[in-house]
Amino acid sequence: QVQLVESGGGLVQPGGSLRLSCAASGTRSRINIMAWYRQAPGAEREFVALITSDSSTNYADSVKGRFTISRDNAKNTVYLQMNSLKPEDTAVYYCNIKMFTTTQYWGQGTQVTVSS
């Protein structure tokens, strides 16, 4: 029923930029928190950034000052603008949404590779 479709991943050189998108469909109520997580090979999934329904944001220390999360409630979409990318940002990035009921959903993941 509820689906999160991610896009925007790809290969970029160190110092470059990418913008990820995650569009939610099938939701029957407003979304509370929209967030991004990432998982590098052999590592556990880690928090990257979140944005609340009133647009308050929170970032992992590793991405502060470089990444910006935003949302378009009319489009049920969350974005992650990633600037000054580093090789250590290489990971599969996953969109996550939490409803006001605390029910949550995950996107399929999109690969971000930062390499020269």
Protein backbone atom coordinates (compact mmCIF):
# COMPACT_ATOMS: atom_id res chain seq x y z
CA GLN A 1 0.00 0.00 0.00
CA VAL A 2 2.50 2.60 1.15
CA GLN A 3 5.49 2.88 -1.15
CA LEU A 4 8.61 5.00 -0.99
CA VAL A 5 10.41 5.43 -4.31
CA GLU A 6 13.93 6.80 -4.16
CA SER A 7 15.94 8.38 -6.94
CA GLY A 8 18.97 10.56 -7.52
CA GLY A 9 21.81 8.28 -6.52
CA GLY A 10 24.85 7.73 -8.67
CA LEU A 11 28.59 8.13 -9.04
CA VAL A 12 30.17 11.44 -8.18
CA GLN A 13 33.72 12.68 -7.61
CA PRO A 14 34.90 13.84 -4.20
CA GLY A 15 33.73 17.39 -3.62
CA GLY A 16 30.77 16.92 -5.90
CA SER A 17 27.06 17.07 -5.21
CA LEU A 18 23.98 14.91 -5.55
CA ARG A 19 20.35 15.37 -4.64
CA LEU A 20 18.33 12.39 -3.51
CA SER A 21 14.55 12.28 -3.70
CA CYS A 22 12.06 10.00 -2.01
CA ALA A 23 8.41 10.14 -3.00
CA ALA A 24 5.82 8.51 -0.79
CA SER A 25 2.53 7.21 -2.12
CA GLY A 26 -0.41 5.43 -0.58
CA THR A 27 -0.31 7.33 2.68
CA ARG A 28 -3.76 8.01 4.09
CA SER A 29 -2.65 10.56 6.66
CA ARG A 30 0.01 13.19 7.05
CA ILE A 31 3.59 12.13 7.57
CA ASN A 32 5.29 12.99 10.83
CA ILE A 33 9.02 12.48 10.33
CA MET A 34 10.88 11.96 7.08
CA ALA A 35 14.46 10.83 7.32
CA TRP A 36 17.48 9.46 5.51
CA TYR A 37 19.70 6.63 6.66
CA ARG A 38 22.67 5.05 4.95
CA GLN A 39 24.50 1.76 5.03
CA ALA A 40 28.02 1.18 3.77
CA PRO A 41 29.25 -2.33 2.90
CA GLY A 42 29.97 -4.29 6.05
CA ALA A 43 28.59 -1.55 8.28
CA GLU A 44 25.35 -1.10 10.14
CA ARG A 45 22.71 1.29 8.95
CA GLU A 46 23.23 4.76 10.36
CA PHE A 47 21.17 7.88 10.73
CA VAL A 48 21.91 10.74 8.35
CA ALA A 49 19.21 13.39 8.67
CA LEU A 50 15.58 13.94 9.53
CA ILE A 51 12.93 16.56 9.08
CA THR A 52 9.74 16.87 11.09
CA SER A 53 6.28 17.84 9.94
CA ASP A 54 6.97 21.45 10.92
CA SER A 55 10.33 21.42 9.10
CA SER A 56 12.59 21.12 12.11
CA THR A 57 15.78 19.29 11.08
CA ASN A 58 18.45 17.15 12.66
CA TYR A 59 21.70 15.85 11.16
CA ALA A 60 24.37 13.35 11.98
CA ASP A 61 27.61 15.07 12.96
CA SER A 62 29.36 13.52 9.97
CA VAL A 63 27.17 15.39 7.48
CA LYS A 64 26.45 18.68 9.25
CA GLY A 65 27.24 21.66 7.07
CA ARG A 66 27.34 19.54 3.92
CA PHE A 67 23.90 17.93 3.63
CA THR A 68 20.50 19.59 3.67
CA ILE A 69 17.23 17.75 4.14
CA SER A 70 13.96 19.27 2.96
CA ARG A 71 10.42 18.17 2.25
CA ASP A 72 7.57 19.09 -0.02
CA ASN A 73 4.39 18.07 1.73
CA ALA A 74 2.24 18.76 -1.32
CA LYS A 75 4.27 16.15 -3.22
CA ASN A 76 4.81 13.83 -0.25
CA THR A 77 8.50 13.97 -1.05
CA VAL A 78 11.67 14.33 0.98
CA TYR A 79 14.99 15.44 -0.48
CA LEU A 80 18.59 15.21 0.58
CA GLN A 81 20.94 17.72 -0.98
CA MET A 82 24.47 16.41 -0.56
CA ASN A 83 27.36 18.78 -1.16
CA SER A 84 31.11 18.47 -0.67
CA LEU A 85 30.80 14.71 -0.91
CA LYS A 86 33.55 12.53 0.51
CA PRO A 87 34.48 8.91 -0.24
CA GLU A 88 33.23 7.97 3.22
CA ASP A 89 29.75 9.10 2.14
CA THR A 90 29.63 6.09 -0.17
CA ALA A 91 26.68 3.94 0.88
CA VAL A 92 23.20 2.85 0.03
CA TYR A 93 20.88 5.62 1.16
CA TYR A 94 17.46 4.71 2.49
CA CYS A 95 14.44 6.92 2.92
CA ASN A 96 12.36 6.41 6.04
CA ILE A 97 9.04 7.91 7.04
CA LYS A 98 7.22 7.77 10.34
CA MET A 99 3.54 8.44 10.67
CA PHE A 100 2.00 10.13 13.68
CA THR A 101 0.97 6.65 14.82
CA THR A 102 4.72 5.79 14.86
CA THR A 103 4.21 3.33 12.00
CA GLN A 104 7.23 3.56 9.73
CA TYR A 105 8.17 2.65 6.17
CA TRP A 106 11.42 2.24 4.27
CA GLY A 107 12.42 2.97 0.71
CA GLN A 108 14.28 0.50 -1.49
CA GLY A 109 17.60 2.30 -1.20
CA THR A 110 19.66 4.20 -3.74
CA GLN A 111 23.40 3.80 -4.24
CA VAL A 112 25.68 6.79 -3.77
CA THR A 113 29.30 6.26 -4.75
CA VAL A 114 31.89 8.97 -4.19
CA SER A 115 35.09 8.13 -5.99
CA SER A 116 37.69 9.63 -8.27
